[in-house]
Amino acid sequence: MLTLTVSERLALKSRAHSLSPTVMIGNAGLTESVLKEIAADLKRHELIKIRVMGDDRALREAMLTDICIQLHAAPIQHIGKILVVYQPNPDANLIAIKKMPRHKGKKPLTKKQLGNR
């Protein structure tokens, strides 16, 4: 599973806000064909939203970790039935993650300070 810093995750969350879900996981769950579709979409877009139709939150969390482990991706966000996943593609290089802004040459801004901007 790919790990990201807090500032990278915040930048990707803001980019994912305007996206629509590209993959839907139905009642059959996380099947092999769904994983192939997620992998293909991640290669094309690098950052995708996935809609899960199930009502069990623990099952959705397990699906998110399974997807990220099997595809070597990073979990960005899990809100309700929407999962956001990121996998960098060096060939496409579509998304450039900005570094954490500095505050007047001092320490990096905290998550709370970034939220106030």
PDB file of N, CA and C in Angstrom:
ATOM      1  N   MET A   1       0.843  -1.171   0.000  1.00  0.00           N
ATOM      2  CA  MET A   1       0.000   0.000   0.000  1.00  0.00           C
ATOM      3  C   MET A   1       0.894   1.242   0.000  1.00  0.00           C
ATOM      4  N   LEU A   2       0.544   2.195  -0.810  1.00  0.00           N
ATOM      5  CA  LEU A   2       1.286   3.438  -0.939  1.00  0.00           C
ATOM      6  C   LEU A   2       0.898   4.382   0.198  1.00  0.00           C
ATOM      7  N   THR A   3       1.879   5.059   0.795  1.00  0.00           N
ATOM      8  CA  THR A   3       1.577   6.003   1.863  1.00  0.00           C
ATOM      9  C   THR A   3       1.893   7.418   1.393  1.00  0.00           C
ATOM     10  N   LEU A   4       1.079   8.361   1.836  1.00  0.00           N
ATOM     11  CA  LEU A   4       1.234   9.762   1.477  1.00  0.00           C
ATOM     12  C   LEU A   4       1.312  10.614   2.732  1.00  0.00           C
ATOM     13  N   THR A   5       1.879  11.796   2.599  1.00  0.00           N
ATOM     14  CA  THR A   5       1.897  12.725   3.717  1.00  0.00           C
ATOM     15  C   THR A   5       0.546  13.405   3.834  1.00  0.00           C
ATOM     16  N   VAL A   6       0.342  14.112   4.933  1.00  0.00           N
ATOM     17  CA  VAL A   6      -0.933  14.790   5.173  1.00  0.00           C
ATOM     18  C   VAL A   6      -1.180  15.852   4.112  1.00  0.00           C
ATOM     19  N   SER A   7      -0.167  16.611   3.762  1.00  0.00           N
ATOM     20  CA  SER A   7      -0.353  17.680   2.773  1.00  0.00           C
ATOM     21  C   SER A   7      -0.654  17.109   1.393  1.00  0.00           C
ATOM     22  N   GLU A   8      -0.031  16.001   1.033  1.00  0.00           N
ATOM     23  CA  GLU A   8      -0.321  15.364  -0.251  1.00  0.00           C
ATOM     24  C   GLU A   8      -1.755  14.850  -0.276  1.00  0.00           C
ATOM     25  N   ARG A   9      -2.177  14.241   0.829  1.00  0.00           N
ATOM     26  CA  ARG A   9      -3.543  13.727   0.901  1.00  0.00           C
ATOM     27  C   ARG A   9      -4.559  14.858   0.835  1.00  0.00           C
ATOM     28  N   LEU A  10      -4.279  15.990   1.495  1.00  0.00           N
ATOM     29  CA  LEU A  10      -5.178  17.135   1.438  1.00  0.00           C
ATOM     30  C   LEU A  10      -5.280  17.694   0.025  1.00  0.00           C
ATOM     31  N   ALA A  11      -4.151  17.766  -0.683  1.00  0.00           N
ATOM     32  CA  ALA A  11      -4.161  18.261  -2.056  1.00  0.00           C
ATOM     33  C   ALA A  11      -4.974  17.340  -2.964  1.00  0.00           C
ATOM     34  N   LEU A  12      -4.836  16.036  -2.767  1.00  0.00           N
ATOM     35  CA  LEU A  12      -5.587  15.084  -3.580  1.00  0.00           C
ATOM     36  C   LEU A  12      -7.073  15.093  -3.238  1.00  0.00           C
ATOM     37  N   LYS A  13      -7.413  15.313  -1.970  1.00  0.00           N
ATOM     38  CA  LYS A  13      -8.830  15.422  -1.585  1.00  0.00           C
ATOM     39  C   LYS A  13      -9.486  16.590  -2.298  1.00  0.00           C
ATOM     40  N   SER A  14      -8.778  17.711  -2.373  1.00  0.00           N
ATOM     41  CA  SER A  14      -9.363  18.876  -3.027  1.00  0.00           C
ATOM     42  C   SER A  14      -9.523  18.637  -4.523  1.00  0.00           C
ATOM     43  N   ARG A  15      -8.597  17.913  -5.143  1.00  0.00           N
ATOM     44  CA  ARG A  15      -8.731  17.595  -6.568  1.00  0.00           C
ATOM     45  C   ARG A  15      -9.861  16.597  -6.817  1.00  0.00           C
ATOM     46  N   ALA A  16     -10.108  15.704  -5.870  1.00  0.00           N
ATOM     47  CA  ALA A  16     -11.123  14.672  -6.041  1.00  0.00           C
ATOM     48  C   ALA A  16     -12.536  15.197  -5.808  1.00  0.00           C
ATOM     49  N   HIS A  17     -12.657  16.361  -5.215  1.00  0.00           N
ATOM     50  CA  HIS A  17     -13.974  16.895  -4.865  1.00  0.00           C
ATOM     51  C   HIS A  17     -14.888  17.007  -6.086  1.00  0.00           C
ATOM     52  N   SER A  18     -14.363  17.424  -7.207  1.00  0.00           N
ATOM     53  CA  SER A  18     -15.194  17.645  -8.389  1.00  0.00           C
ATOM     54  C   SER A  18     -15.372  16.395  -9.250  1.00  0.00           C
ATOM     55  N   LEU A  19     -14.731  15.299  -8.903  1.00  0.00           N
ATOM     56  CA  LEU A  19     -14.831  14.075  -9.698  1.00  0.00           C
ATOM     57  C   LEU A  19     -16.156  13.358  -9.464  1.00  0.00           C
ATOM     58  N   SER A  20     -16.571  12.604 -10.459  1.00  0.00           N
ATOM     59  CA  SER A  20     -17.730  11.722 -10.327  1.00  0.00           C
ATOM     60  C   SER A  20     -17.214  10.293 -10.173  1.00  0.00           C
ATOM     61  N   PRO A  21     -17.980   9.425  -9.510  1.00  0.00           N
ATOM     62  CA  PRO A  21     -17.542   8.032  -9.380  1.00  0.00           C
ATOM     63  C   PRO A  21     -17.422   7.360 -10.742  1.00  0.00           C
ATOM     64  N   THR A  22     -16.307   6.702 -10.983  1.00  0.00           N
ATOM     65  CA  THR A  22     -16.090   6.032 -12.263  1.00  0.00           C
ATOM     66  C   THR A  22     -16.367   4.537 -12.184  1.00  0.00           C
ATOM     67  N   VAL A  23     -16.301   3.968 -10.991  1.00  0.00           N
ATOM     68  CA  VAL A  23     -16.533   2.536 -10.797  1.00  0.00           C
ATOM     69  C   VAL A  23     -17.560   2.364  -9.698  1.00  0.00           C
ATOM     70  N   MET A  24     -18.473   1.416  -9.893  1.00  0.00           N
ATOM     71  CA  MET A  24     -19.465   1.090  -8.868  1.00  0.00           C
ATOM     72  C   MET A  24     -19.300  -0.366  -8.466  1.00  0.00           C
ATOM     73  N   ILE A  25     -19.273  -0.597  -7.155  1.00  0.00           N
ATOM     74  CA  ILE A  25     -19.183  -1.958  -6.623  1.00  0.00           C
ATOM     75  C   ILE A  25     -20.580  -2.331  -6.127  1.00  0.00           C
ATOM     76  N   GLY A  26     -21.179  -3.343  -6.746  1.00  0.00           N
ATOM     77  CA  GLY A  26     -22.545  -3.737  -6.430  1.00  0.00           C
ATOM     78  C   GLY A  26     -22.625  -4.746  -5.310  1.00  0.00           C
ATOM     79  N   ASN A  27     -23.723  -5.474  -5.299  1.00  0.00           N
ATOM     80  CA  ASN A  27     -23.983  -6.442  -4.237  1.00  0.00           C
ATOM     81  C   ASN A  27     -23.041  -7.642  -4.293  1.00  0.00           C
ATOM     82  N   ALA A  28     -22.444  -7.900  -5.444  1.00  0.00           N
ATOM     83  CA  ALA A  28     -21.524  -9.036  -5.570  1.00  0.00           C
ATOM     84  C   ALA A  28     -20.209  -8.769  -4.847  1.00  0.00           C
ATOM     85  N   GLY A  29     -19.934  -7.514  -4.542  1.00  0.00           N
ATOM     86  CA  GLY A  29     -18.720  -7.180  -3.811  1.00  0.00           C
ATOM     87  C   GLY A  29     -17.547  -6.927  -4.729  1.00  0.00           C
ATOM     88  N   LEU A  30     -16.374  -7.051  -4.173  1.00  0.00           N
ATOM     89  CA  LEU A  30     -15.133  -6.763  -4.889  1.00  0.00           C
ATOM     90  C   LEU A  30     -14.702  -8.003  -5.659  1.00  0.00           C
ATOM     91  N   THR A  31     -15.108  -8.097  -6.909  1.00  0.00           N
ATOM     92  CA  THR A  31     -14.781  -9.251  -7.738  1.00  0.00           C
ATOM     93  C   THR A  31     -13.525  -8.951  -8.559  1.00  0.00           C
ATOM     94  N   GLU A  32     -13.057  -9.974  -9.264  1.00  0.00           N
ATOM     95  CA  GLU A  32     -11.860  -9.819 -10.089  1.00  0.00           C
ATOM     96  C   GLU A  32     -12.082  -8.832 -11.229  1.00  0.00           C
ATOM     97  N   SER A  33     -13.268  -8.859 -11.828  1.00  0.00           N
ATOM     98  CA  SER A  33     -13.545  -7.928 -12.931  1.00  0.00           C
ATOM     99  C   SER A  33     -13.627  -6.480 -12.440  1.00  0.00           C
ATOM    100  N   VAL A  34     -14.140  -6.284 -11.237  1.00  0.00           N
ATOM    101  CA  VAL A  34     -14.196  -4.931 -10.667  1.00  0.00           C
ATOM    102  C   VAL A  34     -12.783  -4.424 -10.394  1.00  0.00           C
ATOM    103  N   LEU A  35     -11.915  -5.295  -9.876  1.00  0.00           N
ATOM    104  CA  LEU A  35     -10.522  -4.909  -9.642  1.00  0.00           C
ATOM    105  C   LEU A  35      -9.809  -4.545 -10.940  1.00  0.00           C
ATOM    106  N   LYS A  36     -10.090  -5.282 -12.011  1.00  0.00           N
ATOM    107  CA  LYS A  36      -9.478  -4.963 -13.306  1.00  0.00           C
ATOM    108  C   LYS A  36      -9.949  -3.598 -13.799  1.00  0.00           C
ATOM    109  N   GLU A  37     -11.218  -3.312 -13.613  1.00  0.00           N
ATOM    110  CA  GLU A  37     -11.767  -2.018 -14.027  1.00  0.00           C
ATOM    111  C   GLU A  37     -11.164  -0.869 -13.209  1.00  0.00           C
ATOM    112  N   ILE A  38     -11.007  -1.081 -11.919  1.00  0.00           N
ATOM    113  CA  ILE A  38     -10.384  -0.066 -11.058  1.00  0.00           C
ATOM    114  C   ILE A  38      -8.933   0.166 -11.485  1.00  0.00           C
ATOM    115  N   ALA A  39      -8.213  -0.923 -11.768  1.00  0.00           N
ATOM    116  CA  ALA A  39      -6.820  -0.790 -12.199  1.00  0.00           C
ATOM    117  C   ALA A  39      -6.713  -0.034 -13.518  1.00  0.00           C
ATOM    118  N   ALA A  40      -7.624  -0.315 -14.447  1.00  0.00           N
ATOM    119  CA  ALA A  40      -7.601   0.379 -15.738  1.00  0.00           C
ATOM    120  C   ALA A  40      -7.909   1.865 -15.559  1.00  0.00           C
ATOM    121  N   ASP A  41      -8.881   2.184 -14.714  1.00  0.00           N
ATOM    122  CA  ASP A  41      -9.226   3.593 -14.472  1.00  0.00           C
ATOM    123  C   ASP A  41      -8.104   4.329 -13.756  1.00  0.00           C
ATOM    124  N   LEU A  42      -7.425   3.656 -12.831  1.00  0.00           N
ATOM    125  CA  LEU A  42      -6.303   4.287 -12.141  1.00  0.00           C
ATOM    126  C   LEU A  42      -5.153   4.578 -13.098  1.00  0.00           C
ATOM    127  N   LYS A  43      -4.930   3.709 -14.074  1.00  0.00           N
ATOM    128  CA  LYS A  43      -3.877   3.968 -15.055  1.00  0.00           C
ATOM    129  C   LYS A  43      -4.226   5.173 -15.918  1.00  0.00           C
ATOM    130  N   ARG A  44      -5.503   5.322 -16.240  1.00  0.00           N
ATOM    131  CA  ARG A  44      -5.940   6.432 -17.081  1.00  0.00           C
ATOM    132  C   ARG A  44      -5.978   7.759 -16.336  1.00  0.00           C
ATOM    133  N   HIS A  45      -6.510   7.738 -15.104  1.00  0.00           N
ATOM    134  CA  HIS A  45      -6.807   8.993 -14.405  1.00  0.00           C
ATOM    135  C   HIS A  45      -5.955   9.259 -13.170  1.00  0.00           C
ATOM    136  N   GLU A  46      -5.323   8.278 -12.610  1.00  0.00           N
ATOM    137  CA  GLU A  46      -4.505   8.347 -11.393  1.00  0.00           C
ATOM    138  C   GLU A  46      -5.321   8.561 -10.121  1.00  0.00           C
ATOM    139  N   LEU A  47      -6.391   9.306 -10.170  1.00  0.00           N
ATOM    140  CA  LEU A  47      -7.226   9.607  -9.001  1.00  0.00           C
ATOM    141  C   LEU A  47      -8.669   9.331  -9.371  1.00  0.00           C
ATOM    142  N   ILE A  48      -9.305   8.383  -8.668  1.00  0.00           N
ATOM    143  CA  ILE A  48     -10.685   8.023  -9.016  1.00  0.00           C
ATOM    144  C   ILE A  48     -11.549   7.929  -7.767  1.00  0.00           C
ATOM    145  N   LYS A  49     -12.856   8.032  -8.017  1.00  0.00           N
ATOM    146  CA  LYS A  49     -13.851   7.793  -6.980  1.00  0.00           C
ATOM    147  C   LYS A  49     -14.550   6.478  -7.285  1.00  0.00           C
ATOM    148  N   ILE A  50     -14.848   5.739  -6.224  1.00  0.00           N
ATOM    149  CA  ILE A  50     -15.529   4.451  -6.343  1.00  0.00           C
ATOM    150  C   ILE A  50     -16.770   4.499  -5.458  1.00  0.00           C
ATOM    151  N   ARG A  51     -17.916   4.135  -6.003  1.00  0.00           N
ATOM    152  CA  ARG A  51     -19.147   4.078  -5.215  1.00  0.00           C
ATOM    153  C   ARG A  51     -19.418   2.627  -4.833  1.00  0.00           C
ATOM    154  N   VAL A  52     -19.684   2.408  -3.546  1.00  0.00           N
ATOM    155  CA  VAL A  52     -19.981   1.073  -3.032  1.00  0.00           C
ATOM    156  C   VAL A  52     -21.461   1.046  -2.650  1.00  0.00           C
ATOM    157  N   MET A  53     -22.185   0.048  -3.128  1.00  0.00           N
ATOM    158  CA  MET A  53     -23.624  -0.013  -2.890  1.00  0.00           C
ATOM    159  C   MET A  53     -23.999  -0.632  -1.542  1.00  0.00           C
ATOM    160  N   GLY A  54     -23.074  -1.287  -0.875  1.00  0.00           N
ATOM    161  CA  GLY A  54     -23.380  -1.933   0.399  1.00  0.00           C
ATOM    162  C   GLY A  54     -23.552  -0.933   1.535  1.00  0.00           C
ATOM    163  N   ASP A  55     -24.277  -1.336   2.577  1.00  0.00           N
ATOM    164  CA  ASP A  55     -24.548  -0.461   3.719  1.00  0.00           C
ATOM    165  C   ASP A  55     -23.586  -0.664   4.887  1.00  0.00           C
ATOM    166  N   ASP A  56     -22.790  -1.712   4.867  1.00  0.00           N
ATOM    167  CA  ASP A  56     -21.907  -2.036   5.980  1.00  0.00           C
ATOM    168  C   ASP A  56     -20.610  -1.229   5.895  1.00  0.00           C
ATOM    169  N   ARG A  57     -20.398  -0.343   6.879  1.00  0.00           N
ATOM    170  CA  ARG A  57     -19.210   0.524   6.868  1.00  0.00           C
ATOM    171  C   ARG A  57     -17.917  -0.279   7.005  1.00  0.00           C
ATOM    172  N   ALA A  58     -17.911  -1.281   7.862  1.00  0.00           N
ATOM    173  CA  ALA A  58     -16.712  -2.100   8.051  1.00  0.00           C
ATOM    174  C   ALA A  58     -16.341  -2.826   6.757  1.00  0.00           C
ATOM    175  N   LEU A  59     -17.348  -3.274   6.012  1.00  0.00           N
ATOM    176  CA  LEU A  59     -17.094  -3.944   4.742  1.00  0.00           C
ATOM    177  C   LEU A  59     -16.496  -2.974   3.724  1.00  0.00           C
ATOM    178  N   ARG A  60     -16.974  -1.727   3.723  1.00  0.00           N
ATOM    179  CA  ARG A  60     -16.426  -0.717   2.812  1.00  0.00           C
ATOM    180  C   ARG A  60     -14.973  -0.395   3.168  1.00  0.00           C
ATOM    181  N   GLU A  61     -14.677  -0.308   4.469  1.00  0.00           N
ATOM    182  CA  GLU A  61     -13.289  -0.087   4.907  1.00  0.00           C
ATOM    183  C   GLU A  61     -12.396  -1.238   4.457  1.00  0.00           C
ATOM    184  N   ALA A  62     -12.894  -2.467   4.590  1.00  0.00           N
ATOM    185  CA  ALA A  62     -12.128  -3.640   4.167  1.00  0.00           C
ATOM    186  C   ALA A  62     -11.905  -3.625   2.656  1.00  0.00           C
ATOM    187  N   MET A  63     -12.915  -3.209   1.898  1.00  0.00           N
ATOM    188  CA  MET A  63     -12.773  -3.113   0.445  1.00  0.00           C
ATOM    189  C   MET A  63     -11.711  -2.083   0.068  1.00  0.00           C
ATOM    190  N   LEU A  64     -11.709  -0.953   0.765  1.00  0.00           N
ATOM    191  CA  LEU A  64     -10.736   0.098   0.482  1.00  0.00           C
ATOM    192  C   LEU A  64      -9.313  -0.398   0.732  1.00  0.00           C
ATOM    193  N   THR A  65      -9.097  -1.086   1.838  1.00  0.00           N
ATOM    194  CA  THR A  65      -7.753  -1.596   2.116  1.00  0.00           C
ATOM    195  C   THR A  65      -7.367  -2.699   1.128  1.00  0.00           C
ATOM    196  N   ASP A  66      -8.321  -3.560   0.757  1.00  0.00           N
ATOM    197  CA  ASP A  66      -8.033  -4.608  -0.232  1.00  0.00           C
ATOM    198  C   ASP A  66      -7.635  -4.011  -1.577  1.00  0.00           C
ATOM    199  N   ILE A  67      -8.377  -3.008  -2.012  1.00  0.00           N
ATOM    200  CA  ILE A  67      -8.076  -2.355  -3.292  1.00  0.00           C
ATOM    201  C   ILE A  67      -6.676  -1.749  -3.246  1.00  0.00           C
ATOM    202  N   CYS A  68      -6.375  -1.047  -2.170  1.00  0.00           N
ATOM    203  CA  CYS A  68      -5.080  -0.367  -2.070  1.00  0.00           C
ATOM    204  C   CYS A  68      -3.919  -1.347  -1.957  1.00  0.00           C
ATOM    205  N   ILE A  69      -4.113  -2.449  -1.252  1.00  0.00           N
ATOM    206  CA  ILE A  69      -3.047  -3.437  -1.118  1.00  0.00           C
ATOM    207  C   ILE A  69      -2.816  -4.165  -2.439  1.00  0.00           C
ATOM    208  N   GLN A  70      -3.884  -4.604  -3.096  1.00  0.00           N
ATOM    209  CA  GLN A  70      -3.732  -5.385  -4.315  1.00  0.00           C
ATOM    210  C   GLN A  70      -3.220  -4.555  -5.482  1.00  0.00           C
ATOM    211  N   LEU A  71      -3.590  -3.263  -5.537  1.00  0.00           N
ATOM    212  CA  LEU A  71      -3.191  -2.420  -6.671  1.00  0.00           C
ATOM    213  C   LEU A  71      -2.041  -1.477  -6.336  1.00  0.00           C
ATOM    214  N   HIS A  72      -1.492  -1.574  -5.128  1.00  0.00           N
ATOM    215  CA  HIS A  72      -0.403  -0.694  -4.677  1.00  0.00           C
ATOM    216  C   HIS A  72      -0.793   0.773  -4.848  1.00  0.00           C
ATOM    217  N   ALA A  73      -1.960   1.109  -4.321  1.00  0.00           N
ATOM    218  CA  ALA A  73      -2.492   2.468  -4.410  1.00  0.00           C
ATOM    219  C   ALA A  73      -2.569   3.062  -3.008  1.00  0.00           C
ATOM    220  N   ALA A  74      -2.955   4.330  -2.944  1.00  0.00           N
ATOM    221  CA  ALA A  74      -3.063   5.025  -1.660  1.00  0.00           C
ATOM    222  C   ALA A  74      -4.522   5.372  -1.392  1.00  0.00           C
ATOM    223  N   PRO A  75      -5.021   5.046  -0.188  1.00  0.00           N
ATOM    224  CA  PRO A  75      -6.383   5.483   0.150  1.00  0.00           C
ATOM    225  C   PRO A  75      -6.356   6.971   0.472  1.00  0.00           C
ATOM    226  N   ILE A  76      -7.236   7.718  -0.147  1.00  0.00           N
ATOM    227  CA  ILE A  76      -7.285   9.162   0.060  1.00  0.00           C
ATOM    228  C   ILE A  76      -8.423   9.523   0.994  1.00  0.00           C
ATOM    229  N   GLN A  77      -9.606   8.975   0.730  1.00  0.00           N
ATOM    230  CA  GLN A  77     -10.774   9.399   1.494  1.00  0.00           C
ATOM    231  C   GLN A  77     -11.840   8.315   1.464  1.00  0.00           C
ATOM    232  N   HIS A  78     -12.616   8.249   2.541  1.00  0.00           N
ATOM    233  CA  HIS A  78     -13.783   7.363   2.619  1.00  0.00           C
ATOM    234  C   HIS A  78     -14.896   8.148   3.296  1.00  0.00           C
ATOM    235  N   ILE A  79     -15.817   8.628   2.505  1.00  0.00           N
ATOM    236  CA  ILE A  79     -16.957   9.376   3.039  1.00  0.00           C
ATOM    237  C   ILE A  79     -18.224   8.684   2.567  1.00  0.00           C
ATOM    238  N   GLY A  80     -18.999   8.216   3.518  1.00  0.00           N
ATOM    239  CA  GLY A  80     -20.242   7.532   3.166  1.00  0.00           C
ATOM    240  C   GLY A  80     -19.950   6.309   2.319  1.00  0.00           C
ATOM    241  N   LYS A  81     -20.563   6.272   1.152  1.00  0.00           N
ATOM    242  CA  LYS A  81     -20.388   5.136   0.251  1.00  0.00           C
ATOM    243  C   LYS A  81     -19.391   5.432  -0.866  1.00  0.00           C
ATOM    244  N   ILE A  82     -18.646   6.523  -0.726  1.00  0.00           N
ATOM    245  CA  ILE A  82     -17.677   6.921  -1.743  1.00  0.00           C
ATOM    246  C   ILE A  82     -16.253   6.679  -1.228  1.00  0.00           C
ATOM    247  N   LEU A  83     -15.453   6.005  -2.048  1.00  0.00           N
ATOM    248  CA  LEU A  83     -14.046   5.772  -1.755  1.00  0.00           C
ATOM    249  C   LEU A  83     -13.221   6.531  -2.785  1.00  0.00           C
ATOM    250  N   VAL A  84     -12.146   7.178  -2.348  1.00  0.00           N
ATOM    251  CA  VAL A  84     -11.246   7.879  -3.257  1.00  0.00           C
ATOM    252  C   VAL A  84      -9.883   7.201  -3.159  1.00  0.00           C
ATOM    253  N   VAL A  85      -9.338   6.835  -4.329  1.00  0.00           N
ATOM    254  CA  VAL A  85      -8.092   6.083  -4.397  1.00  0.00           C
ATOM    255  C   VAL A  85      -7.147   6.778  -5.380  1.00  0.00           C
ATOM    256  N   TYR A  86      -5.849   6.786  -5.037  1.00  0.00           N
ATOM    257  CA  TYR A  86      -4.831   7.409  -5.886  1.00  0.00           C
ATOM    258  C   TYR A  86      -3.713   6.412  -6.151  1.00  0.00           C
ATOM    259  N   GLN A  87      -3.300   6.355  -7.413  1.00  0.00           N
ATOM    260  CA  GLN A  87      -2.146   5.548  -7.795  1.00  0.00           C
ATOM    261  C   GLN A  87      -1.344   6.340  -8.822  1.00  0.00           C
ATOM    262  N   PRO A  88      -0.115   6.757  -8.470  1.00  0.00           N
ATOM    263  CA  PRO A  88       0.658   7.558  -9.426  1.00  0.00           C
ATOM    264  C   PRO A  88       1.052   6.739 -10.646  1.00  0.00           C
ATOM    265  N   ASN A  89       0.966   7.373 -11.791  1.00  0.00           N
ATOM    266  CA  ASN A  89       1.352   6.741 -13.045  1.00  0.00           C
ATOM    267  C   ASN A  89       2.481   7.574 -13.653  1.00  0.00           C
ATOM    268  N   PRO A  90       3.729   7.110 -13.590  1.00  0.00           N
ATOM    269  CA  PRO A  90       4.842   7.927 -14.085  1.00  0.00           C
ATOM    270  C   PRO A  90       4.762   8.206 -15.580  1.00  0.00           C
ATOM    271  N   ASP A  91       4.103   7.328 -16.354  1.00  0.00           N
ATOM    272  CA  ASP A  91       3.970   7.552 -17.794  1.00  0.00           C
ATOM    273  C   ASP A  91       3.003   8.691 -18.099  1.00  0.00           C
ATOM    274  N   ALA A  92       1.861   8.707 -17.395  1.00  0.00           N
ATOM    275  CA  ALA A  92       0.862   9.739 -17.650  1.00  0.00           C
ATOM    276  C   ALA A  92       1.262  11.060 -17.005  1.00  0.00           C
ATOM    277  N   ASN A  93       1.692  10.997 -15.744  1.00  0.00           N
ATOM    278  CA  ASN A  93       2.111  12.187 -15.001  1.00  0.00           C
ATOM    279  C   ASN A  93       1.039  13.280 -15.060  1.00  0.00           C
ATOM    280  N   LEU A  94      -0.196  12.906 -14.786  1.00  0.00           N
ATOM    281  CA  LEU A  94      -1.320  13.835 -14.877  1.00  0.00           C
ATOM    282  C   LEU A  94      -1.422  14.764 -13.683  1.00  0.00           C
ATOM    283  N   ILE A  95      -1.140  14.258 -12.491  1.00  0.00           N
ATOM    284  CA  ILE A  95      -1.357  15.030 -11.273  1.00  0.00           C
ATOM    285  C   ILE A  95      -0.007  15.354 -10.643  1.00  0.00           C
ATOM    286  N   ALA A  96       0.223  16.633 -10.462  1.00  0.00           N
ATOM    287  CA  ALA A  96       1.433  17.070  -9.760  1.00  0.00           C
ATOM    288  C   ALA A  96       1.019  17.486  -8.355  1.00  0.00           C
ATOM    289  N   ILE A  97       1.557  16.794  -7.356  1.00  0.00           N
ATOM    290  CA  ILE A  97       1.194  17.097  -5.974  1.00  0.00           C
ATOM    291  C   ILE A  97       2.103  18.207  -5.476  1.00  0.00           C
ATOM    292  N   LYS A  98       1.490  19.269  -5.000  1.00  0.00           N
ATOM    293  CA  LYS A  98       2.250  20.404  -4.496  1.00  0.00           C
ATOM    294  C   LYS A  98       2.809  20.086  -3.115  1.00  0.00           C
ATOM    295  N   LYS A  99       3.946  20.668  -2.819  1.00  0.00           N
ATOM    296  CA  LYS A  99       4.541  20.500  -1.505  1.00  0.00           C
ATOM    297  C   LYS A  99       3.794  21.353  -0.495  1.00  0.00           C
ATOM    298  N   MET A 100       3.957  21.022   0.770  1.00  0.00           N
ATOM    299  CA  MET A 100       3.276  21.732   1.838  1.00  0.00           C
ATOM    300  C   MET A 100       3.754  23.187   1.902  1.00  0.00           C
ATOM    301  N   PRO A 101       2.836  24.170   1.911  1.00  0.00           N
ATOM    302  CA  PRO A 101       3.259  25.569   1.985  1.00  0.00           C
ATOM    303  C   PRO A 101       3.905  25.885   3.328  1.00  0.00           C
ATOM    304  N   ARG A 102       4.857  26.768   3.304  1.00  0.00           N
ATOM    305  CA  ARG A 102       5.564  27.174   4.513  1.00  0.00           C
ATOM    306  C   ARG A 102       4.974  28.464   5.037  1.00  0.00           C
ATOM    307  N   HIS A 103       5.060  28.653   6.327  1.00  0.00           N
ATOM    308  CA  HIS A 103       4.513  29.834   6.975  1.00  0.00           C
ATOM    309  C   HIS A 103       5.642  30.771   7.361  1.00  0.00           C
ATOM    310  N   LYS A 104       5.889  31.789   6.560  1.00  0.00           N
ATOM    311  CA  LYS A 104       6.887  32.828   6.823  1.00  0.00           C
ATOM    312  C   LYS A 104       8.269  32.247   7.129  1.00  0.00           C
ATOM    313  N   GLY A 105       8.657  31.225   6.370  1.00  0.00           N
ATOM    314  CA  GLY A 105       9.983  30.659   6.530  1.00  0.00           C
ATOM    315  C   GLY A 105      10.162  29.827   7.780  1.00  0.00           C
ATOM    316  N   LYS A 106       9.079  29.490   8.464  1.00  0.00           N
ATOM    317  CA  LYS A 106       9.177  28.715   9.701  1.00  0.00           C
ATOM    318  C   LYS A 106       8.798  27.272   9.439  1.00  0.00           C
ATOM    319  N   LYS A 107       8.232  26.634  10.441  1.00  0.00           N
ATOM    320  CA  LYS A 107       7.814  25.245  10.327  1.00  0.00           C
ATOM    321  C   LYS A 107       6.661  25.124   9.332  1.00  0.00           C
ATOM    322  N   PRO A 108       6.440  23.921   8.788  1.00  0.00           N
ATOM    323  CA  PRO A 108       5.298  23.722   7.896  1.00  0.00           C
ATOM    324  C   PRO A 108       3.981  23.962   8.640  1.00  0.00           C
ATOM    325  N   LEU A 109       2.977  24.366   7.881  1.00  0.00           N
ATOM    326  CA  LEU A 109       1.667  24.610   8.471  1.00  0.00           C
ATOM    327  C   LEU A 109       1.043  23.303   8.957  1.00  0.00           C
ATOM    328  N   THR A 110       0.259  23.391  10.006  1.00  0.00           N
ATOM    329  CA  THR A 110      -0.445  22.210  10.517  1.00  0.00           C
ATOM    330  C   THR A 110      -1.693  21.976   9.689  1.00  0.00           C
ATOM    331  N   LYS A 111      -2.332  20.840   9.926  1.00  0.00           N
ATOM    332  CA  LYS A 111      -3.554  20.510   9.206  1.00  0.00           C
ATOM    333  C   LYS A 111      -4.644  21.521   9.508  1.00  0.00           C
ATOM    334  N   LYS A 112      -4.729  21.979  10.744  1.00  0.00           N
ATOM    335  CA  LYS A 112      -5.735  22.952  11.138  1.00  0.00           C
ATOM    336  C   LYS A 112      -5.481  24.301  10.444  1.00  0.00           C
ATOM    337  N   GLN A 113      -4.218  24.698  10.346  1.00  0.00           N
ATOM    338  CA  GLN A 113      -3.892  25.953   9.691  1.00  0.00           C
ATOM    339  C   GLN A 113      -4.166  25.863   8.187  1.00  0.00           C
ATOM    340  N   LEU A 114      -3.918  24.699   7.596  1.00  0.00           N
ATOM    341  CA  LEU A 114      -4.204  24.517   6.173  1.00  0.00           C
ATOM    342  C   LEU A 114      -5.716  24.591   5.914  1.00  0.00           C
ATOM    343  N   GLY A 115      -6.492  24.072   6.823  1.00  0.00           N
ATOM    344  CA  GLY A 115      -7.953  24.102   6.670  1.00  0.00           C
ATOM    345  C   GLY A 115      -8.517  25.508   6.742  1.00  0.00           C
ATOM    346  N   ASN A 116      -7.839  26.408   7.433  1.00  0.00           N
ATOM    347  CA  ASN A 116      -8.318  27.775   7.568  1.00  0.00           C
ATOM    348  C   ASN A 116      -8.012  28.613   6.339  1.00  0.00           C
ATOM    349  N   ARG A 117      -7.210  28.118   5.436  1.00  0.00           N
ATOM    350  CA  ARG A 117      -6.850  28.896   4.230  1.00  0.00           C
ATOM    351  C   ARG A 117      -7.917  28.855   3.204  1.00  0.00           C
TER     352      ARG A 117
END
